[in-house]
Amino acid sequence: MPKKIDHEERKITILKKALEIFARDGYRDSNLSTIAQECGLSRPTLYQYFKDKKEIYYYAVKLVTGKMFFEYSQMAWDESYGNTIDRISWICCDIVDQAVASEGELQSLMDVMLQSKREHVDFSDIIMKRTAKLTILFKRLLNHGVQNGEIIPECDIEMVSRHLFTLLEAFCFQIAFLGNFSASDSKAFIATYLDFFRKK
């Protein structure tokens, strides 16, 4: 009886190997034949999972962001995590923790982005589409906090949500490329920033 293939597991295996190859050989010089060979698959089998390199990268971003956003959208309105500011802080801190725990994968993703930019392949649209949900969630939570009196009414919701997203982007970059990143200092900075908008 033939062995049953776990297609989702195989897709993730292909993805991890592809990211290694992109980081090693450069996005432009990588090809599906090399990825298939190093995964121990034929090229037609690989095509059953991914039609091209861009689809592989998109799947990587989708995989990382999809699971996280589902969890955050569930807990964002769960009062057991505290008030609105506490919940926003929890989400930000969890993103930092997830990024630290996935440092290797994060570095591979960013390596591909940097190399691709030099080769005039821009993944910013993919990243923006996949991360827009996080900014929207921040805006909804901030608005909720203002309406129920937990956040000062002077809070510029657009600006604060952009600041939070930019901070998280910067932290992810530091985690991927700088050896002296301090998760505790970064989380303390987020807490201090958000505390400024907490209604006393």
N, C-alpha and C. Protein backbone atom coordinates (compact mmCIF):
# COMPACT_ATOMS: atom_id res chain seq x y z
N MET A 1 0.85 -1.20 0.00
CA MET A 1 0.00 0.00 0.00
C MET A 1 0.89 1.25 0.00
N PRO A 2 0.68 2.19 -0.93
CA PRO A 2 1.54 3.38 -0.98
C PRO A 2 1.38 4.25 0.27
N LYS A 3 2.49 4.88 0.64
CA LYS A 3 2.49 5.75 1.82
C LYS A 3 1.67 7.01 1.55
N LYS A 4 0.83 7.35 2.52
CA LYS A 4 -0.01 8.55 2.36
C LYS A 4 0.85 9.80 2.56
N ILE A 5 0.74 10.73 1.64
CA ILE A 5 1.55 11.95 1.69
C ILE A 5 0.78 13.06 2.39
N ASP A 6 1.44 13.69 3.37
CA ASP A 6 0.87 14.86 4.02
C ASP A 6 1.27 16.07 3.16
N HIS A 7 0.33 16.54 2.34
CA HIS A 7 0.66 17.58 1.35
C HIS A 7 1.03 18.91 2.02
N GLU A 8 0.37 19.22 3.12
CA GLU A 8 0.68 20.49 3.80
C GLU A 8 2.08 20.44 4.40
N GLU A 9 2.44 19.30 4.96
CA GLU A 9 3.78 19.13 5.52
C GLU A 9 4.84 19.22 4.42
N ARG A 10 4.55 18.61 3.27
CA ARG A 10 5.49 18.66 2.16
C ARG A 10 5.63 20.09 1.65
N LYS A 11 4.53 20.83 1.61
CA LYS A 11 4.56 22.22 1.15
C LYS A 11 5.46 23.06 2.05
N ILE A 12 5.37 22.84 3.36
CA ILE A 12 6.20 23.57 4.32
C ILE A 12 7.67 23.18 4.18
N THR A 13 7.93 21.89 3.93
CA THR A 13 9.31 21.42 3.71
C THR A 13 9.91 22.09 2.48
N ILE A 14 9.13 22.17 1.40
CA ILE A 14 9.59 22.84 0.17
C ILE A 14 9.87 24.31 0.47
N LEU A 15 8.96 24.93 1.20
CA LEU A 15 9.09 26.34 1.54
C LEU A 15 10.39 26.62 2.29
N LYS A 16 10.66 25.83 3.32
CA LYS A 16 11.87 26.04 4.14
C LYS A 16 13.13 25.87 3.30
N LYS A 17 13.14 24.84 2.47
CA LYS A 17 14.31 24.60 1.61
C LYS A 17 14.47 25.74 0.60
N ALA A 18 13.36 26.20 0.03
CA ALA A 18 13.41 27.30 -0.94
C ALA A 18 13.99 28.57 -0.32
N LEU A 19 13.57 28.88 0.90
CA LEU A 19 14.09 30.07 1.57
C LEU A 19 15.60 29.96 1.81
N GLU A 20 16.05 28.75 2.15
CA GLU A 20 17.50 28.53 2.32
C GLU A 20 18.23 28.79 1.00
N ILE A 21 17.66 28.28 -0.09
CA ILE A 21 18.29 28.43 -1.41
C ILE A 21 18.26 29.89 -1.86
N PHE A 22 17.14 30.59 -1.62
CA PHE A 22 17.05 32.01 -1.98
C PHE A 22 18.14 32.80 -1.25
N ALA A 23 18.30 32.51 0.05
CA ALA A 23 19.30 33.23 0.86
C ALA A 23 20.72 32.89 0.41
N ARG A 24 20.93 31.65 0.01
CA ARG A 24 22.27 31.19 -0.38
C ARG A 24 22.66 31.64 -1.78
N ASP A 25 21.74 31.47 -2.75
CA ASP A 25 22.07 31.70 -4.16
C ASP A 25 21.57 33.03 -4.71
N GLY A 26 20.72 33.71 -3.91
CA GLY A 26 20.08 34.91 -4.42
C GLY A 26 18.77 34.54 -5.11
N TYR A 27 17.80 35.41 -4.99
CA TYR A 27 16.47 35.11 -5.53
C TYR A 27 16.52 34.94 -7.05
N ARG A 28 17.23 35.84 -7.72
CA ARG A 28 17.27 35.81 -9.19
C ARG A 28 17.92 34.53 -9.71
N ASP A 29 19.01 34.10 -9.05
CA ASP A 29 19.77 32.94 -9.53
C ASP A 29 19.21 31.61 -9.05
N SER A 30 18.22 31.64 -8.19
CA SER A 30 17.58 30.40 -7.74
C SER A 30 16.58 29.95 -8.79
N ASN A 31 16.33 28.67 -8.85
CA ASN A 31 15.32 28.18 -9.80
C ASN A 31 14.60 26.97 -9.21
N LEU A 32 13.46 26.66 -9.81
CA LEU A 32 12.63 25.58 -9.30
C LEU A 32 13.30 24.22 -9.44
N SER A 33 14.16 24.07 -10.44
CA SER A 33 14.87 22.80 -10.62
C SER A 33 15.78 22.51 -9.42
N THR A 34 16.51 23.53 -8.97
CA THR A 34 17.39 23.38 -7.81
C THR A 34 16.57 23.07 -6.56
N ILE A 35 15.48 23.81 -6.39
CA ILE A 35 14.62 23.59 -5.22
C ILE A 35 14.07 22.17 -5.23
N ALA A 36 13.60 21.72 -6.39
CA ALA A 36 13.06 20.35 -6.51
C ALA A 36 14.14 19.32 -6.19
N GLN A 37 15.33 19.50 -6.75
CA GLN A 37 16.42 18.56 -6.55
C GLN A 37 16.80 18.47 -5.07
N GLU A 38 16.93 19.62 -4.41
CA GLU A 38 17.35 19.62 -3.01
C GLU A 38 16.25 19.16 -2.05
N CYS A 39 15.01 19.13 -2.56
CA CYS A 39 13.89 18.58 -1.78
C CYS A 39 13.69 17.09 -2.07
N GLY A 40 14.47 16.56 -3.05
CA GLY A 40 14.31 15.17 -3.43
C GLY A 40 13.03 14.92 -4.21
N LEU A 41 12.60 15.93 -4.98
CA LEU A 41 11.37 15.83 -5.76
C LEU A 41 11.66 16.07 -7.23
N SER A 42 10.77 15.61 -8.08
CA SER A 42 10.87 15.96 -9.50
C SER A 42 10.28 17.37 -9.68
N ARG A 43 10.68 18.02 -10.76
CA ARG A 43 10.14 19.35 -11.04
C ARG A 43 8.62 19.32 -11.24
N PRO A 44 8.05 18.33 -11.98
CA PRO A 44 6.59 18.28 -12.10
C PRO A 44 5.88 18.13 -10.74
N THR A 45 6.50 17.38 -9.81
CA THR A 45 5.91 17.25 -8.47
C THR A 45 5.92 18.59 -7.76
N LEU A 46 7.03 19.32 -7.89
CA LEU A 46 7.12 20.64 -7.25
C LEU A 46 6.04 21.58 -7.79
N TYR A 47 5.79 21.50 -9.12
CA TYR A 47 4.77 22.35 -9.74
C TYR A 47 3.37 22.09 -9.19
N GLN A 48 3.17 20.92 -8.60
CA GLN A 48 1.87 20.63 -7.99
C GLN A 48 1.63 21.49 -6.76
N TYR A 49 2.73 22.02 -6.19
CA TYR A 49 2.64 22.82 -4.97
C TYR A 49 2.85 24.32 -5.24
N PHE A 50 3.79 24.64 -6.09
CA PHE A 50 4.10 26.05 -6.38
C PHE A 50 4.38 26.21 -7.88
N LYS A 51 3.78 27.23 -8.48
CA LYS A 51 3.97 27.43 -9.93
C LYS A 51 5.23 28.24 -10.24
N ASP A 52 5.70 29.06 -9.25
CA ASP A 52 6.92 29.83 -9.47
C ASP A 52 7.49 30.29 -8.13
N LYS A 53 8.63 31.00 -8.20
CA LYS A 53 9.32 31.43 -6.98
C LYS A 53 8.51 32.46 -6.19
N LYS A 54 7.83 33.33 -6.92
CA LYS A 54 7.03 34.36 -6.25
C LYS A 54 5.93 33.74 -5.41
N GLU A 55 5.34 32.67 -5.91
CA GLU A 55 4.28 31.99 -5.17
C GLU A 55 4.84 31.36 -3.89
N ILE A 56 6.07 30.88 -3.95
CA ILE A 56 6.71 30.32 -2.76
C ILE A 56 6.88 31.41 -1.70
N TYR A 57 7.37 32.56 -2.13
CA TYR A 57 7.58 33.65 -1.17
C TYR A 57 6.25 34.12 -0.59
N TYR A 58 5.24 34.25 -1.44
CA TYR A 58 3.92 34.68 -0.97
C TYR A 58 3.38 33.69 0.05
N TYR A 59 3.57 32.41 -0.21
CA TYR A 59 3.08 31.40 0.72
C TYR A 59 3.79 31.52 2.06
N ALA A 60 5.10 31.82 2.04
CA ALA A 60 5.85 31.99 3.28
C ALA A 60 5.27 33.12 4.12
N VAL A 61 5.01 34.25 3.47
CA VAL A 61 4.44 35.40 4.19
C VAL A 61 3.03 35.07 4.68
N LYS A 62 2.25 34.42 3.83
CA LYS A 62 0.88 34.06 4.18
C LYS A 62 0.85 33.11 5.38
N LEU A 63 1.76 32.14 5.38
CA LEU A 63 1.82 31.15 6.45
C LEU A 63 2.13 31.82 7.79
N VAL A 64 3.10 32.71 7.78
CA VAL A 64 3.51 33.39 9.01
C VAL A 64 2.41 34.31 9.52
N THR A 65 1.86 35.13 8.62
CA THR A 65 0.90 36.14 9.06
C THR A 65 -0.49 35.59 9.33
N GLY A 66 -0.91 34.60 8.55
CA GLY A 66 -2.27 34.08 8.68
C GLY A 66 -2.56 33.52 10.04
N LYS A 67 -1.67 32.68 10.54
CA LYS A 67 -1.86 32.04 11.85
C LYS A 67 -1.87 33.09 12.96
N MET A 68 -0.93 34.03 12.88
CA MET A 68 -0.83 35.06 13.92
C MET A 68 -2.08 35.94 13.95
N PHE A 69 -2.53 36.39 12.78
CA PHE A 69 -3.67 37.31 12.74
C PHE A 69 -4.95 36.64 13.22
N PHE A 70 -5.08 35.35 12.93
CA PHE A 70 -6.26 34.63 13.42
C PHE A 70 -6.27 34.64 14.94
N GLU A 71 -5.13 34.33 15.55
CA GLU A 71 -5.04 34.31 17.01
C GLU A 71 -5.28 35.70 17.60
N TYR A 72 -4.69 36.72 16.99
CA TYR A 72 -4.83 38.08 17.54
C TYR A 72 -6.26 38.59 17.41
N SER A 73 -6.92 38.26 16.31
CA SER A 73 -8.30 38.72 16.15
C SER A 73 -9.23 38.05 17.16
N GLN A 74 -8.83 36.85 17.62
CA GLN A 74 -9.63 36.16 18.64
C GLN A 74 -9.44 36.79 20.02
N MET A 75 -8.18 37.04 20.37
CA MET A 75 -7.92 37.54 21.73
C MET A 75 -8.07 39.06 21.88
N ALA A 76 -8.13 39.77 20.76
CA ALA A 76 -8.19 41.23 20.82
C ALA A 76 -9.39 41.73 21.62
N TRP A 77 -10.47 40.95 21.62
CA TRP A 77 -11.68 41.37 22.31
C TRP A 77 -11.94 40.54 23.57
N ASP A 78 -10.94 39.77 23.98
CA ASP A 78 -11.05 38.92 25.17
C ASP A 78 -10.57 39.71 26.39
N GLU A 79 -11.49 40.10 27.24
CA GLU A 79 -11.15 40.96 28.38
C GLU A 79 -10.30 40.26 29.43
N SER A 80 -10.14 38.95 29.33
CA SER A 80 -9.25 38.26 30.28
C SER A 80 -7.79 38.66 30.05
N TYR A 81 -7.51 39.27 28.88
CA TYR A 81 -6.16 39.77 28.60
C TYR A 81 -5.95 41.19 29.12
N GLY A 82 -6.96 41.73 29.80
CA GLY A 82 -6.85 43.08 30.36
C GLY A 82 -7.64 44.09 29.56
N ASN A 83 -7.36 45.37 29.85
CA ASN A 83 -8.09 46.42 29.13
C ASN A 83 -7.51 46.58 27.72
N THR A 84 -8.03 47.56 27.00
CA THR A 84 -7.65 47.71 25.58
C THR A 84 -6.16 47.93 25.40
N ILE A 85 -5.56 48.81 26.19
CA ILE A 85 -4.12 49.07 26.08
C ILE A 85 -3.33 47.79 26.37
N ASP A 86 -3.75 47.06 27.40
CA ASP A 86 -3.06 45.82 27.76
C ASP A 86 -3.11 44.81 26.60
N ARG A 87 -4.26 44.75 25.92
CA ARG A 87 -4.40 43.80 24.82
C ARG A 87 -3.53 44.19 23.62
N ILE A 88 -3.48 45.49 23.32
CA ILE A 88 -2.61 45.96 22.23
C ILE A 88 -1.15 45.63 22.57
N SER A 89 -0.78 45.89 23.82
CA SER A 89 0.58 45.61 24.28
C SER A 89 0.89 44.12 24.18
N TRP A 90 -0.09 43.29 24.56
CA TRP A 90 0.11 41.83 24.51
C TRP A 90 0.36 41.39 23.08
N ILE A 91 -0.41 41.91 22.13
CA ILE A 91 -0.23 41.54 20.72
C ILE A 91 1.17 41.93 20.24
N CYS A 92 1.57 43.16 20.54
CA CYS A 92 2.89 43.64 20.11
C CYS A 92 4.01 42.78 20.72
N CYS A 93 3.88 42.49 22.00
CA CYS A 93 4.91 41.69 22.68
C CYS A 93 4.95 40.27 22.15
N ASP A 94 3.80 39.72 21.81
CA ASP A 94 3.78 38.37 21.26
C ASP A 94 4.44 38.34 19.88
N ILE A 95 4.25 39.38 19.09
CA ILE A 95 4.91 39.46 17.78
C ILE A 95 6.43 39.46 17.97
N VAL A 96 6.91 40.22 18.95
CA VAL A 96 8.34 40.23 19.25
C VAL A 96 8.81 38.82 19.64
N ASP A 97 8.06 38.16 20.52
CA ASP A 97 8.43 36.81 20.97
C ASP A 97 8.44 35.83 19.81
N GLN A 98 7.42 35.92 18.93
CA GLN A 98 7.34 35.02 17.77
C GLN A 98 8.52 35.25 16.82
N ALA A 99 8.87 36.53 16.65
CA ALA A 99 9.99 36.86 15.75
C ALA A 99 11.31 36.33 16.31
N VAL A 100 11.50 36.46 17.62
CA VAL A 100 12.72 35.95 18.26
C VAL A 100 12.79 34.43 18.11
N ALA A 101 11.66 33.76 18.33
CA ALA A 101 11.62 32.29 18.23
C ALA A 101 11.85 31.80 16.80
N SER A 102 11.54 32.64 15.81
CA SER A 102 11.67 32.25 14.39
C SER A 102 12.77 33.07 13.71
N GLU A 103 13.83 33.35 14.43
CA GLU A 103 14.88 34.24 13.91
C GLU A 103 15.45 33.76 12.58
N GLY A 104 15.71 32.44 12.46
CA GLY A 104 16.29 31.91 11.22
C GLY A 104 15.38 32.12 10.02
N GLU A 105 14.10 31.78 10.19
CA GLU A 105 13.14 31.95 9.10
C GLU A 105 12.96 33.42 8.74
N LEU A 106 12.92 34.27 9.78
CA LEU A 106 12.78 35.72 9.56
C LEU A 106 13.96 36.26 8.78
N GLN A 107 15.15 35.81 9.13
CA GLN A 107 16.35 36.26 8.43
C GLN A 107 16.32 35.83 6.97
N SER A 108 15.86 34.60 6.71
CA SER A 108 15.76 34.13 5.33
C SER A 108 14.78 34.97 4.52
N LEU A 109 13.61 35.26 5.11
CA LEU A 109 12.61 36.09 4.43
C LEU A 109 13.17 37.46 4.10
N MET A 110 13.87 38.06 5.07
CA MET A 110 14.41 39.41 4.86
C MET A 110 15.58 39.39 3.89
N ASP A 111 16.39 38.33 3.93
CA ASP A 111 17.48 38.19 2.95
C ASP A 111 16.91 38.19 1.53
N VAL A 112 15.83 37.43 1.35
CA VAL A 112 15.19 37.35 0.03
C VAL A 112 14.69 38.73 -0.38
N MET A 113 14.05 39.44 0.55
CA MET A 113 13.54 40.78 0.24
C MET A 113 14.66 41.72 -0.19
N LEU A 114 15.78 41.71 0.55
CA LEU A 114 16.89 42.62 0.25
C LEU A 114 17.53 42.27 -1.09
N GLN A 115 17.77 40.98 -1.32
CA GLN A 115 18.36 40.57 -2.59
C GLN A 115 17.43 40.88 -3.76
N SER A 116 16.14 40.63 -3.55
CA SER A 116 15.16 40.86 -4.61
C SER A 116 15.06 42.33 -4.97
N LYS A 117 15.17 43.18 -3.97
CA LYS A 117 15.12 44.64 -4.21
C LYS A 117 16.27 45.05 -5.12
N ARG A 118 17.45 44.49 -4.87
CA ARG A 118 18.62 44.80 -5.71
C ARG A 118 18.41 44.28 -7.13
N GLU A 119 17.62 43.23 -7.24
CA GLU A 119 17.38 42.62 -8.55
C GLU A 119 16.07 43.14 -9.18
N HIS A 120 15.54 44.24 -8.60
CA HIS A 120 14.33 44.91 -9.11
C HIS A 120 13.08 44.02 -9.05
N VAL A 121 13.04 43.15 -8.04
CA VAL A 121 11.83 42.37 -7.74
C VAL A 121 11.32 42.89 -6.40
N ASP A 122 10.12 43.47 -6.40
CA ASP A 122 9.61 44.13 -5.20
C ASP A 122 8.48 43.32 -4.58
N PHE A 123 8.70 42.90 -3.33
CA PHE A 123 7.69 42.14 -2.61
C PHE A 123 6.88 43.01 -1.65
N SER A 124 7.07 44.34 -1.70
CA SER A 124 6.41 45.20 -0.71
C SER A 124 4.88 45.12 -0.79
N ASP A 125 4.33 44.95 -2.00
CA ASP A 125 2.87 44.83 -2.13
C ASP A 125 2.34 43.61 -1.40
N ILE A 126 3.06 42.48 -1.54
CA ILE A 126 2.66 41.26 -0.86
C ILE A 126 2.69 41.46 0.65
N ILE A 127 3.77 42.07 1.14
CA ILE A 127 3.92 42.29 2.58
C ILE A 127 2.81 43.22 3.08
N MET A 128 2.57 44.29 2.35
CA MET A 128 1.55 45.26 2.79
C MET A 128 0.16 44.64 2.82
N LYS A 129 -0.16 43.83 1.80
CA LYS A 129 -1.49 43.19 1.76
C LYS A 129 -1.67 42.24 2.93
N ARG A 130 -0.61 41.50 3.26
CA ARG A 130 -0.71 40.51 4.31
C ARG A 130 -0.68 41.11 5.71
N THR A 131 -0.08 42.29 5.85
CA THR A 131 0.04 42.89 7.19
C THR A 131 -0.99 44.00 7.44
N ALA A 132 -1.76 44.35 6.43
CA ALA A 132 -2.76 45.42 6.60
C ALA A 132 -3.75 45.08 7.71
N LYS A 133 -4.05 43.80 7.88
CA LYS A 133 -5.00 43.39 8.92
C LYS A 133 -4.53 43.80 10.31
N LEU A 134 -3.22 43.77 10.53
CA LEU A 134 -2.70 44.12 11.85
C LEU A 134 -2.94 45.60 12.14
N THR A 135 -2.66 46.46 11.17
CA THR A 135 -2.89 47.90 11.35
C THR A 135 -4.37 48.17 11.58
N ILE A 136 -5.23 47.48 10.83
CA ILE A 136 -6.69 47.65 11.01
C ILE A 136 -7.11 47.22 12.40
N LEU A 137 -6.54 46.12 12.88
CA LEU A 137 -6.87 45.63 14.23
C LEU A 137 -6.44 46.65 15.28
N PHE A 138 -5.25 47.22 15.13
CA PHE A 138 -4.80 48.26 16.06
C PHE A 138 -5.77 49.44 16.06
N LYS A 139 -6.18 49.87 14.87
CA LYS A 139 -7.10 51.01 14.77
C LYS A 139 -8.43 50.71 15.47
N ARG A 140 -8.95 49.51 15.24
CA ARG A 140 -10.23 49.14 15.86
C ARG A 140 -10.11 49.11 17.39
N LEU A 141 -9.01 48.56 17.88
CA LEU A 141 -8.81 48.50 19.33
C LEU A 141 -8.63 49.90 19.92
N LEU A 142 -7.84 50.73 19.26
CA LEU A 142 -7.64 52.10 19.75
C LEU A 142 -8.96 52.87 19.76
N ASN A 143 -9.73 52.73 18.71
CA ASN A 143 -11.03 53.40 18.64
C ASN A 143 -11.95 52.91 19.75
N HIS A 144 -11.95 51.61 19.98
CA HIS A 144 -12.74 51.02 21.06
C HIS A 144 -12.31 51.59 22.42
N GLY A 145 -11.00 51.70 22.60
CA GLY A 145 -10.47 52.23 23.86
C GLY A 145 -10.85 53.68 24.10
N VAL A 146 -10.86 54.48 23.03
CA VAL A 146 -11.28 55.89 23.14
C VAL A 146 -12.76 55.96 23.49
N GLN A 147 -13.56 55.16 22.80
CA GLN A 147 -15.02 55.19 23.01
C GLN A 147 -15.43 54.74 24.41
N ASN A 148 -14.71 53.77 24.96
CA ASN A 148 -15.11 53.31 26.30
C ASN A 148 -14.33 53.98 27.43
N GLY A 149 -13.56 55.03 27.08
CA GLY A 149 -12.92 55.85 28.10
C GLY A 149 -11.62 55.30 28.67
N GLU A 150 -11.04 54.28 28.02
CA GLU A 150 -9.77 53.72 28.50
C GLU A 150 -8.56 54.45 27.90
N ILE A 151 -8.78 55.09 26.75
CA ILE A 151 -7.70 55.78 26.03
C ILE A 151 -8.08 57.25 25.91
N ILE A 152 -7.09 58.12 26.05
CA ILE A 152 -7.36 59.56 26.01
C ILE A 152 -8.00 59.95 24.68
N PRO A 153 -8.97 60.85 24.69
CA PRO A 153 -9.67 61.22 23.44
C PRO A 153 -8.77 61.92 22.44
N GLU A 154 -7.65 62.49 22.89
CA GLU A 154 -6.72 63.19 21.99
C GLU A 154 -5.87 62.22 21.16
N CYS A 155 -5.98 60.93 21.43
CA CYS A 155 -5.18 59.92 20.73
C CYS A 155 -5.45 59.97 19.22
N ASP A 156 -4.40 60.16 18.46
CA ASP A 156 -4.50 60.13 16.99
C ASP A 156 -4.40 58.67 16.56
N ILE A 157 -5.54 58.05 16.31
CA ILE A 157 -5.61 56.61 16.05
C ILE A 157 -4.78 56.20 14.85
N GLU A 158 -4.87 56.97 13.76
CA GLU A 158 -4.09 56.67 12.55
C GLU A 158 -2.60 56.67 12.85
N MET A 159 -2.16 57.73 13.53
CA MET A 159 -0.73 57.90 13.81
C MET A 159 -0.22 56.80 14.73
N VAL A 160 -0.96 56.52 15.80
CA VAL A 160 -0.51 55.52 16.77
C VAL A 160 -0.44 54.14 16.14
N SER A 161 -1.44 53.78 15.34
CA SER A 161 -1.40 52.47 14.68
C SER A 161 -0.21 52.36 13.74
N ARG A 162 0.12 53.46 13.03
CA ARG A 162 1.29 53.47 12.14
C ARG A 162 2.58 53.34 12.95
N HIS A 163 2.64 54.07 14.08
CA HIS A 163 3.83 53.99 14.94
C HIS A 163 4.06 52.57 15.42
N LEU A 164 2.99 51.91 15.87
CA LEU A 164 3.12 50.55 16.39
C LEU A 164 3.63 49.61 15.30
N PHE A 165 3.05 49.74 14.11
CA PHE A 165 3.47 48.88 13.01
C PHE A 165 4.93 49.13 12.65
N THR A 166 5.32 50.41 12.60
CA THR A 166 6.71 50.76 12.26
C THR A 166 7.68 50.24 13.31
N LEU A 167 7.30 50.33 14.58
CA LEU A 167 8.13 49.79 15.66
C LEU A 167 8.34 48.29 15.48
N LEU A 168 7.25 47.58 15.20
CA LEU A 168 7.34 46.13 15.04
C LEU A 168 8.20 45.76 13.84
N GLU A 169 8.07 46.52 12.75
CA GLU A 169 8.93 46.30 11.58
C GLU A 169 10.40 46.48 11.95
N ALA A 170 10.68 47.55 12.69
CA ALA A 170 12.06 47.83 13.09
C ALA A 170 12.60 46.72 14.00
N PHE A 171 11.76 46.27 14.92
CA PHE A 171 12.19 45.19 15.82
C PHE A 171 12.49 43.91 15.03
N CYS A 172 11.64 43.59 14.07
CA CYS A 172 11.86 42.38 13.26
C CYS A 172 13.17 42.49 12.47
N PHE A 173 13.47 43.67 11.95
CA PHE A 173 14.73 43.89 11.24
C PHE A 173 15.91 43.68 12.19
N GLN A 174 15.81 44.25 13.39
CA GLN A 174 16.88 44.10 14.38
C GLN A 174 17.08 42.64 14.78
N ILE A 175 15.98 41.93 14.97
CA ILE A 175 16.07 40.51 15.34
C ILE A 175 16.80 39.73 14.25
N ALA A 176 16.47 40.03 12.99
CA ALA A 176 17.06 39.29 11.87
C ALA A 176 18.53 39.61 11.65
N PHE A 177 18.94 40.86 11.89
CA PHE A 177 20.27 41.27 11.45
C PHE A 177 21.21 41.79 12.54
N LEU A 178 20.70 42.10 13.72
CA LEU A 178 21.57 42.64 14.77
C LEU A 178 21.66 41.66 15.92
N GLY A 179 22.89 41.43 16.37
CA GLY A 179 23.09 40.44 17.44
C GLY A 179 22.77 40.93 18.83
N ASN A 180 22.55 42.23 18.99
CA ASN A 180 22.36 42.76 20.34
C ASN A 180 20.90 43.12 20.64
N PHE A 181 19.95 42.53 19.93
CA PHE A 181 18.54 42.84 20.16
C PHE A 181 18.11 42.39 21.54
N SER A 182 17.41 43.27 22.24
CA SER A 182 16.89 42.93 23.57
C SER A 182 15.37 42.91 23.51
N ALA A 183 14.80 41.71 23.63
CA ALA A 183 13.34 41.59 23.60
C ALA A 183 12.71 42.30 24.78
N SER A 184 13.32 42.19 25.95
CA SER A 184 12.74 42.82 27.15
C SER A 184 12.74 44.34 27.04
N ASP A 185 13.83 44.92 26.51
CA ASP A 185 13.88 46.38 26.34
C ASP A 185 12.84 46.84 25.31
N SER A 186 12.69 46.07 24.24
CA SER A 186 11.74 46.43 23.19
C SER A 186 10.31 46.38 23.70
N LYS A 187 10.00 45.34 24.48
CA LYS A 187 8.65 45.21 25.03
C LYS A 187 8.37 46.30 26.07
N ALA A 188 9.41 46.67 26.81
CA ALA A 188 9.25 47.76 27.78
C ALA A 188 9.00 49.08 27.06
N PHE A 189 9.67 49.27 25.92
CA PHE A 189 9.48 50.50 25.14
C PHE A 189 8.04 50.58 24.63
N ILE A 190 7.51 49.46 24.13
CA ILE A 190 6.12 49.42 23.65
C ILE A 190 5.17 49.78 24.78
N ALA A 191 5.39 49.19 25.97
CA ALA A 191 4.52 49.44 27.12
C ALA A 191 4.56 50.91 27.52
N THR A 192 5.75 51.51 27.51
CA THR A 192 5.91 52.92 27.87
C THR A 192 5.20 53.82 26.85
N TYR A 193 5.38 53.50 25.57
CA TYR A 193 4.73 54.28 24.51
C TYR A 193 3.22 54.23 24.65
N LEU A 194 2.67 53.04 24.82
CA LEU A 194 1.22 52.88 24.92
C LEU A 194 0.67 53.51 26.20
N ASP A 195 1.46 53.51 27.24
CA ASP A 195 1.00 54.06 28.52
C ASP A 195 0.71 55.56 28.41
N PHE A 196 1.37 56.21 27.47
CA PHE A 196 1.14 57.65 27.26
C PHE A 196 -0.31 57.92 26.86
N PHE A 197 -0.96 56.95 26.21
CA PHE A 197 -2.33 57.15 25.72
C PHE A 197 -3.38 56.55 26.66
N ARG A 198 -2.91 55.97 27.74
CA ARG A 198 -3.84 55.38 28.72
C ARG A 198 -4.50 56.49 29.53
N LYS A 199 -5.80 56.46 29.62
CA LYS A 199 -6.51 57.48 30.41
C LYS A 199 -6.30 57.19 31.89
N LYS A 200 -5.73 58.16 32.57
CA LYS A 200 -5.38 57.96 34.00
C LYS A 200 -6.61 58.16 34.87
